[in-house]
C-alpha atoms as a PDB file:
ATOM      1  CA  MET A   1     149.216  93.795  98.271  1.00  0.00           C
ATOM      2  CA  MET A   2     147.180  93.131 101.364  1.00  0.00           C
ATOM      3  CA  LEU A   3     149.302  90.233 102.622  1.00  0.00           C
ATOM      4  CA  ASP A   4     152.449  92.356 102.440  1.00  0.00           C
ATOM      5  CA  ARG A   5     150.764  95.116 104.437  1.00  0.00           C
ATOM      6  CA  LEU A   6     149.409  92.747 107.072  1.00  0.00           C
ATOM      7  CA  GLY A   7     152.757  90.995 107.366  1.00  0.00           C
ATOM      8  CA  LEU A   8     154.583  94.259 107.938  1.00  0.00           C
ATOM      9  CA  LYS A   9     151.932  95.590 110.332  1.00  0.00           C
ATOM     10  CA  HIS A  10     151.970  92.425 112.447  1.00  0.00           C
ATOM     11  CA  GLU A  11     155.664  91.681 111.947  1.00  0.00           C
ATOM     12  CA  ASP A  12     154.835  88.310 110.384  1.00  0.00           C
ATOM     13  CA  ALA A  13     157.512  87.192 107.946  1.00  0.00           C
ATOM     14  CA  ASN A  14     155.304  84.365 106.649  1.00  0.00           C
ATOM     15  CA  LEU A  15     152.618  86.816 105.505  1.00  0.00           C
ATOM     16  CA  VAL A  16     155.235  88.983 103.839  1.00  0.00           C
ATOM     17  CA  ALA A  17     156.654  85.952 102.016  1.00  0.00           C
ATOM     18  CA  ASP A  18     153.194  84.767 100.974  1.00  0.00           C
ATOM     19  CA  GLY A  19     152.367  88.238  99.708  1.00  0.00           C
ATOM     20  CA  ARG A  20     155.552  88.263  97.657  1.00  0.00           C
ATOM     21  CA  ARG A  21     154.787  84.829  96.178  1.00  0.00           C
ATOM     22  CA  LEU A  22     151.255  85.887  95.250  1.00  0.00           C
ATOM     23  CA  ARG A  23     152.404  89.174  93.715  1.00  0.00           C
ATOM     24  CA  GLU A  24     155.096  87.388  91.691  1.00  0.00           C
ATOM     25  CA  ALA A  25     152.571  84.795  90.489  1.00  0.00           C
ATOM     26  CA  VAL A  26     150.188  87.518  89.302  1.00  0.00           C
ATOM     27  CA  GLU A  27     153.051  89.349  87.584  1.00  0.00           C
ATOM     28  CA  ASP A  28     154.124  86.101  85.888  1.00  0.00           C
ATOM     29  CA  VAL A  29     150.623  85.326  84.588  1.00  0.00           C
ATOM     30  CA  VAL A  30     150.188  88.872  83.268  1.00  0.00           C
ATOM     31  CA  ALA A  31     153.657  88.936  81.676  1.00  0.00           C
ATOM     32  CA  ARG A  32     152.976  85.647  79.878  1.00  0.00           C
ATOM     33  CA  ARG A  33     149.493  86.926  78.939  1.00  0.00           C
ATOM     34  CA  ASP A  34     148.166  83.608  80.224  1.00  0.00           C
ATOM     35  CA  ARG A  35     144.414  83.566  80.887  1.00  0.00           C
ATOM     36  CA  LEU A  36     143.953  87.315  81.127  1.00  0.00           C
ATOM     37  CA  THR A  37     140.541  88.770  81.880  1.00  0.00           C
ATOM     38  CA  ARG A  38     138.896  91.191  79.474  1.00  0.00           C
ATOM     39  CA  ASP A  39     139.936  94.255  81.479  1.00  0.00           C
ATOM     40  CA  LEU A  40     143.569  93.252  80.860  1.00  0.00           C
ATOM     41  CA  GLY A  41     143.064  92.612  77.154  1.00  0.00           C
ATOM     42  CA  GLY A  42     142.339  88.896  77.350  1.00  0.00           C
ATOM     43  CA  THR A  43     139.269  86.773  76.829  1.00  0.00           C
ATOM     44  CA  SER A  44     139.249  84.616  79.967  1.00  0.00           C
ATOM     45  CA  GLY A  45     136.798  84.760  82.807  1.00  0.00           C
ATOM     46  CA  THR A  46     137.768  85.273  86.417  1.00  0.00           C
ATOM     47  CA  GLU A  47     137.747  81.554  87.239  1.00  0.00           C
ATOM     48  CA  ALA A  48     140.283  80.749  84.508  1.00  0.00           C
ATOM     49  CA  ALA A  49     142.450  83.718  85.509  1.00  0.00           C
ATOM     50  CA  THR A  50     142.340  82.650  89.148  1.00  0.00           C
ATOM     51  CA  GLN A  51     143.351  79.105  88.228  1.00  0.00           C
ATOM     52  CA  ALA A  52     146.307  80.424  86.227  1.00  0.00           C
ATOM     53  CA  VAL A  53     147.502  82.437  89.226  1.00  0.00           C
ATOM     54  CA  LEU A  54     146.996  79.457  91.534  1.00  0.00           C
ATOM     55  CA  ARG A  55     149.090  77.249  89.229  1.00  0.00           C
ATOM     56  CA  ALA A  56     151.836  79.888  89.235  1.00  0.00           C
ATOM     57  CA  VAL A  57     151.773  80.128  93.050  1.00  0.00           C
ATOM     58  CA  LEU A  58     151.983  76.361  93.444  1.00  0.00           C
ATOM     59  CA  ALA A  59     154.805  76.137  90.894  1.00  0.00           C
ATOM     60  CA  ALA A  60     156.918  78.651  92.836  1.00  0.00           C
END
C-alpha cells in the first residue's frame, strides 16, 4: 500500500509499520466478511466499511 511505499522510499520505519497495520486491518475485515462493500460481495456502504477497518486498526 501507499504507506509501505512511502516508508521504504523515505526510510521511515513508522510509515512502514503503519502501512502494515492498515493492510492487516483490511485483510482482517475482508476475511471476516465484516461490513463489506458491494464490490466485495457485501451490502455495506463505504462509511460502514471504513469504520470496520478503523475499529480493526485501533484494536491492533
